[in-house]
Amino acid sequence: MPKTKSALNKYSQAKGKRQNKLNFPEIEEALTLWVLKTLENGVDISDQVLHEKVIAFASLYKVENFKGSNGWIGRFKKRHNLSCYLKQREAASINLMNSEKTFKI
């Protein structure tokens, strides 16, 4: 598991910033590992899928007071340098209101 640990550290440490204690470290680690594996397989992840997965991990770890809010997900993405972009489709048929947001490292 050393490879996973180095990948986890690579994406979770911001230079020059104070490291805060995480409120839900088991959810954070599980979601981080899932995101890394999913992106390694070339799969784009939407915010909706990320939210569903984080709620599933909270249930798995029996964390009752976890909501997986948009704010928590936004901070998770910021902590792990995940950037959001609009997935490109055919230019003539795209509806910006319904286009799916995905993110990559």
N, C-alpha and C. Protein backbone atom coordinates (compact mmCIF):
# COMPACT_ATOMS: atom_id res chain seq x y z
N MET A 1 0.80 -1.21 0.00
CA MET A 1 0.00 0.00 0.00
C MET A 1 0.84 1.28 0.00
N PRO A 2 2.14 1.22 -0.06
CA PRO A 2 2.94 2.44 -0.08
C PRO A 2 2.64 3.33 -1.28
N LYS A 3 2.34 2.74 -2.44
CA LYS A 3 2.03 3.53 -3.62
C LYS A 3 0.78 4.39 -3.38
N THR A 4 -0.21 3.81 -2.73
CA THR A 4 -1.45 4.53 -2.44
C THR A 4 -1.19 5.66 -1.46
N LYS A 5 -0.37 5.40 -0.43
CA LYS A 5 -0.07 6.42 0.54
C LYS A 5 0.63 7.61 -0.11
N SER A 6 1.59 7.35 -1.01
CA SER A 6 2.29 8.45 -1.66
C SER A 6 1.34 9.24 -2.55
N ALA A 7 0.43 8.55 -3.23
CA ALA A 7 -0.55 9.24 -4.07
C ALA A 7 -1.49 10.08 -3.21
N LEU A 8 -1.89 9.54 -2.08
CA LEU A 8 -2.76 10.25 -1.16
C LEU A 8 -2.07 11.52 -0.66
N ASN A 9 -0.82 11.41 -0.27
CA ASN A 9 -0.08 12.57 0.21
C ASN A 9 0.15 13.58 -0.89
N LYS A 10 0.42 13.11 -2.10
CA LYS A 10 0.68 14.00 -3.23
C LYS A 10 -0.49 14.94 -3.47
N TYR A 11 -1.71 14.43 -3.38
CA TYR A 11 -2.88 15.22 -3.70
C TYR A 11 -3.51 15.91 -2.50
N SER A 12 -3.07 15.60 -1.29
CA SER A 12 -3.77 16.15 -0.14
C SER A 12 -2.98 17.21 0.61
N GLN A 13 -1.76 17.50 0.20
CA GLN A 13 -0.97 18.48 0.92
C GLN A 13 -0.76 19.72 0.07
N ALA A 14 -1.18 20.84 0.59
CA ALA A 14 -0.98 22.11 -0.10
C ALA A 14 0.24 22.78 0.52
N LYS A 15 1.15 23.24 -0.31
CA LYS A 15 2.38 23.87 0.20
C LYS A 15 2.06 25.22 0.81
N GLY A 16 2.69 25.48 1.96
CA GLY A 16 2.57 26.78 2.58
C GLY A 16 1.26 27.02 3.31
N LYS A 17 0.42 26.02 3.41
CA LYS A 17 -0.85 26.21 4.10
C LYS A 17 -0.88 25.36 5.36
N ARG A 18 -1.56 25.85 6.35
CA ARG A 18 -1.69 25.14 7.60
C ARG A 18 -2.59 23.92 7.38
N GLN A 19 -2.17 22.79 7.91
CA GLN A 19 -2.96 21.58 7.79
C GLN A 19 -4.00 21.53 8.91
N ASN A 20 -5.26 21.52 8.56
CA ASN A 20 -6.34 21.44 9.54
C ASN A 20 -6.69 19.99 9.81
N LYS A 21 -7.16 19.74 11.01
CA LYS A 21 -7.63 18.40 11.35
C LYS A 21 -8.95 18.15 10.63
N LEU A 22 -9.06 17.00 10.01
CA LEU A 22 -10.28 16.65 9.28
C LEU A 22 -11.33 16.13 10.26
N ASN A 23 -12.58 16.52 10.06
CA ASN A 23 -13.67 16.06 10.92
C ASN A 23 -14.06 14.61 10.63
N PHE A 24 -13.91 14.19 9.38
CA PHE A 24 -14.31 12.84 8.97
C PHE A 24 -13.17 12.18 8.21
N PRO A 25 -12.08 11.83 8.90
CA PRO A 25 -10.89 11.31 8.19
C PRO A 25 -11.13 10.00 7.45
N GLU A 26 -11.98 9.13 7.98
CA GLU A 26 -12.22 7.85 7.31
C GLU A 26 -12.98 8.06 5.99
N ILE A 27 -13.90 8.99 5.97
CA ILE A 27 -14.63 9.30 4.73
C ILE A 27 -13.68 9.97 3.74
N GLU A 28 -12.88 10.89 4.24
CA GLU A 28 -11.91 11.60 3.40
C GLU A 28 -10.96 10.63 2.72
N GLU A 29 -10.40 9.69 3.49
CA GLU A 29 -9.44 8.75 2.92
C GLU A 29 -10.10 7.80 1.91
N ALA A 30 -11.28 7.28 2.27
CA ALA A 30 -11.99 6.37 1.36
C ALA A 30 -12.34 7.06 0.06
N LEU A 31 -12.85 8.29 0.14
CA LEU A 31 -13.23 9.03 -1.06
C LEU A 31 -12.00 9.39 -1.90
N THR A 32 -10.91 9.75 -1.23
CA THR A 32 -9.68 10.07 -1.95
C THR A 32 -9.18 8.87 -2.74
N LEU A 33 -9.16 7.71 -2.10
CA LEU A 33 -8.69 6.50 -2.79
C LEU A 33 -9.61 6.15 -3.95
N TRP A 34 -10.92 6.30 -3.75
CA TRP A 34 -11.87 6.00 -4.82
C TRP A 34 -11.68 6.95 -5.99
N VAL A 35 -11.51 8.25 -5.70
CA VAL A 35 -11.32 9.24 -6.76
C VAL A 35 -10.05 8.94 -7.54
N LEU A 36 -8.96 8.67 -6.84
CA LEU A 36 -7.69 8.38 -7.51
C LEU A 36 -7.81 7.17 -8.43
N LYS A 37 -8.43 6.11 -7.94
CA LYS A 37 -8.59 4.89 -8.74
C LYS A 37 -9.49 5.16 -9.94
N THR A 38 -10.55 5.89 -9.74
CA THR A 38 -11.49 6.19 -10.81
C THR A 38 -10.83 7.04 -11.90
N LEU A 39 -10.08 8.06 -11.49
CA LEU A 39 -9.42 8.91 -12.47
C LEU A 39 -8.28 8.17 -13.18
N GLU A 40 -7.60 7.25 -12.48
CA GLU A 40 -6.57 6.43 -13.11
C GLU A 40 -7.16 5.59 -14.24
N ASN A 41 -8.42 5.19 -14.08
CA ASN A 41 -9.11 4.40 -15.09
C ASN A 41 -9.69 5.26 -16.20
N GLY A 42 -9.45 6.57 -16.15
CA GLY A 42 -9.89 7.47 -17.21
C GLY A 42 -11.36 7.84 -17.16
N VAL A 43 -11.98 7.67 -16.01
CA VAL A 43 -13.40 7.97 -15.87
C VAL A 43 -13.56 9.38 -15.30
N ASP A 44 -14.39 10.19 -15.93
CA ASP A 44 -14.71 11.52 -15.41
C ASP A 44 -15.73 11.36 -14.29
N ILE A 45 -15.64 12.23 -13.29
CA ILE A 45 -16.54 12.15 -12.14
C ILE A 45 -17.31 13.46 -12.04
N SER A 46 -18.62 13.36 -12.05
CA SER A 46 -19.44 14.57 -11.89
C SER A 46 -19.61 14.87 -10.40
N ASP A 47 -20.01 16.09 -10.10
CA ASP A 47 -20.25 16.46 -8.70
C ASP A 47 -21.36 15.59 -8.10
N GLN A 48 -22.36 15.25 -8.89
CA GLN A 48 -23.46 14.43 -8.41
C GLN A 48 -22.97 13.03 -8.02
N VAL A 49 -22.12 12.43 -8.84
CA VAL A 49 -21.57 11.11 -8.53
C VAL A 49 -20.69 11.19 -7.29
N LEU A 50 -19.91 12.26 -7.18
CA LEU A 50 -19.06 12.45 -6.01
C LEU A 50 -19.91 12.54 -4.75
N HIS A 51 -21.01 13.28 -4.83
CA HIS A 51 -21.91 13.41 -3.68
C HIS A 51 -22.51 12.06 -3.29
N GLU A 52 -22.98 11.30 -4.27
CA GLU A 52 -23.57 9.99 -4.00
C GLU A 52 -22.54 9.06 -3.35
N LYS A 53 -21.29 9.11 -3.82
CA LYS A 53 -20.25 8.24 -3.29
C LYS A 53 -19.89 8.62 -1.86
N VAL A 54 -19.81 9.92 -1.58
CA VAL A 54 -19.46 10.35 -0.23
C VAL A 54 -20.56 9.97 0.77
N ILE A 55 -21.80 10.05 0.36
CA ILE A 55 -22.91 9.63 1.23
C ILE A 55 -22.86 8.12 1.46
N ALA A 56 -22.50 7.36 0.43
CA ALA A 56 -22.36 5.91 0.57
C ALA A 56 -21.24 5.56 1.55
N PHE A 57 -20.11 6.28 1.48
CA PHE A 57 -19.01 6.03 2.41
C PHE A 57 -19.41 6.40 3.84
N ALA A 58 -20.16 7.47 4.01
CA ALA A 58 -20.63 7.86 5.34
C ALA A 58 -21.53 6.78 5.92
N SER A 59 -22.38 6.21 5.09
CA SER A 59 -23.25 5.13 5.53
C SER A 59 -22.44 3.88 5.87
N LEU A 60 -21.46 3.58 5.02
CA LEU A 60 -20.61 2.41 5.24
C LEU A 60 -19.87 2.50 6.57
N TYR A 61 -19.36 3.69 6.90
CA TYR A 61 -18.62 3.91 8.15
C TYR A 61 -19.54 4.28 9.31
N LYS A 62 -20.84 4.27 9.08
CA LYS A 62 -21.85 4.57 10.09
C LYS A 62 -21.64 5.93 10.75
N VAL A 63 -21.36 6.93 9.92
CA VAL A 63 -21.21 8.31 10.39
C VAL A 63 -22.57 8.98 10.22
N GLU A 64 -23.23 9.25 11.33
CA GLU A 64 -24.61 9.72 11.29
C GLU A 64 -24.73 11.23 11.08
N ASN A 65 -23.77 12.01 11.53
CA ASN A 65 -23.90 13.47 11.47
C ASN A 65 -23.23 14.07 10.25
N PHE A 66 -23.00 13.28 9.21
CA PHE A 66 -22.35 13.75 8.00
C PHE A 66 -23.39 14.01 6.92
N LYS A 67 -23.36 15.22 6.35
CA LYS A 67 -24.35 15.59 5.34
C LYS A 67 -23.81 15.57 3.91
N GLY A 68 -22.50 15.68 3.74
CA GLY A 68 -21.93 15.70 2.40
C GLY A 68 -22.41 16.91 1.61
N SER A 69 -22.40 18.06 2.26
CA SER A 69 -22.92 19.29 1.64
C SER A 69 -22.07 19.71 0.44
N ASN A 70 -22.62 20.62 -0.35
CA ASN A 70 -21.86 21.17 -1.47
C ASN A 70 -20.58 21.84 -0.98
N GLY A 71 -20.65 22.47 0.19
CA GLY A 71 -19.47 23.10 0.77
C GLY A 71 -18.39 22.10 1.11
N TRP A 72 -18.78 20.97 1.70
CA TRP A 72 -17.80 19.93 2.06
C TRP A 72 -17.17 19.37 0.79
N ILE A 73 -17.99 19.11 -0.21
CA ILE A 73 -17.47 18.57 -1.47
C ILE A 73 -16.55 19.59 -2.15
N GLY A 74 -16.92 20.85 -2.13
CA GLY A 74 -16.08 21.90 -2.71
C GLY A 74 -14.73 21.98 -2.01
N ARG A 75 -14.73 21.89 -0.68
CA ARG A 75 -13.46 21.93 0.07
C ARG A 75 -12.64 20.66 -0.17
N PHE A 76 -13.32 19.51 -0.32
CA PHE A 76 -12.62 18.27 -0.65
C PHE A 76 -11.89 18.43 -1.98
N LYS A 77 -12.59 18.95 -2.98
CA LYS A 77 -11.99 19.14 -4.30
C LYS A 77 -10.82 20.13 -4.22
N LYS A 78 -10.96 21.17 -3.41
CA LYS A 78 -9.89 22.14 -3.26
C LYS A 78 -8.69 21.51 -2.55
N ARG A 79 -8.93 20.72 -1.49
CA ARG A 79 -7.84 20.06 -0.76
C ARG A 79 -7.05 19.13 -1.67
N HIS A 80 -7.71 18.53 -2.64
CA HIS A 80 -7.07 17.52 -3.50
C HIS A 80 -6.79 18.04 -4.91
N ASN A 81 -6.85 19.34 -5.07
CA ASN A 81 -6.52 19.98 -6.36
C ASN A 81 -7.33 19.40 -7.52
N LEU A 82 -8.60 19.18 -7.30
CA LEU A 82 -9.49 18.71 -8.36
C LEU A 82 -10.15 19.92 -8.97
N SER A 83 -10.06 20.04 -10.29
CA SER A 83 -10.66 21.19 -10.94
C SER A 83 -11.88 20.77 -11.72
N CYS A 84 -12.84 21.64 -11.77
CA CYS A 84 -14.11 21.37 -12.43
C CYS A 84 -14.11 22.01 -13.81
N TYR A 85 -14.69 21.34 -14.76
CA TYR A 85 -14.83 21.89 -16.09
C TYR A 85 -16.12 21.38 -16.70
N LEU A 86 -16.58 22.05 -17.73
CA LEU A 86 -17.76 21.59 -18.43
C LEU A 86 -17.34 20.56 -19.47
N LYS A 87 -17.97 19.42 -19.44
CA LYS A 87 -17.66 18.37 -20.40
C LYS A 87 -18.09 18.82 -21.78
N GLN A 88 -17.19 18.72 -22.73
CA GLN A 88 -17.49 19.20 -24.08
C GLN A 88 -18.26 18.15 -24.87
N ARG A 89 -19.25 18.62 -25.58
CA ARG A 89 -20.04 17.78 -26.48
C ARG A 89 -20.08 18.50 -27.82
N GLU A 90 -20.93 18.07 -28.73
CA GLU A 90 -21.06 18.76 -30.00
C GLU A 90 -21.51 20.19 -29.76
N ALA A 91 -20.78 21.13 -30.34
CA ALA A 91 -21.02 22.55 -30.06
C ALA A 91 -22.44 22.98 -30.39
N ALA A 92 -23.01 22.48 -31.46
CA ALA A 92 -24.34 22.92 -31.87
C ALA A 92 -25.43 22.38 -30.95
N SER A 93 -25.19 21.27 -30.29
CA SER A 93 -26.25 20.66 -29.50
C SER A 93 -26.10 20.88 -28.00
N ILE A 94 -25.10 21.64 -27.58
CA ILE A 94 -24.89 21.78 -26.14
C ILE A 94 -25.84 22.81 -25.55
N ASN A 95 -26.38 22.49 -24.41
CA ASN A 95 -27.20 23.38 -23.62
C ASN A 95 -26.42 23.63 -22.34
N LEU A 96 -25.91 24.83 -22.15
CA LEU A 96 -25.06 25.11 -21.00
C LEU A 96 -25.77 24.90 -19.67
N MET A 97 -27.05 25.04 -19.64
CA MET A 97 -27.79 24.83 -18.39
C MET A 97 -27.84 23.35 -18.01
N ASN A 98 -27.79 22.45 -18.99
CA ASN A 98 -27.91 21.03 -18.72
C ASN A 98 -26.60 20.27 -18.91
N SER A 99 -25.51 20.97 -19.21
CA SER A 99 -24.25 20.27 -19.43
C SER A 99 -23.72 19.75 -18.11
N GLU A 100 -23.05 18.61 -18.18
CA GLU A 100 -22.59 17.94 -16.98
C GLU A 100 -21.23 18.46 -16.56
N LYS A 101 -21.10 18.85 -15.28
CA LYS A 101 -19.81 19.29 -14.75
C LYS A 101 -19.03 18.07 -14.29
N THR A 102 -17.78 18.00 -14.69
CA THR A 102 -16.90 16.93 -14.24
C THR A 102 -15.59 17.55 -13.82
N PHE A 103 -14.73 16.76 -13.16
CA PHE A 103 -13.46 17.30 -12.73
C PHE A 103 -12.35 16.28 -12.90
N LYS A 104 -11.15 16.80 -13.00
CA LYS A 104 -9.94 16.00 -13.11
C LYS A 104 -8.86 16.65 -12.29
N ILE A 105 -7.82 15.90 -12.08
CA ILE A 105 -6.66 16.41 -11.33
C ILE A 105 -5.81 17.24 -12.25
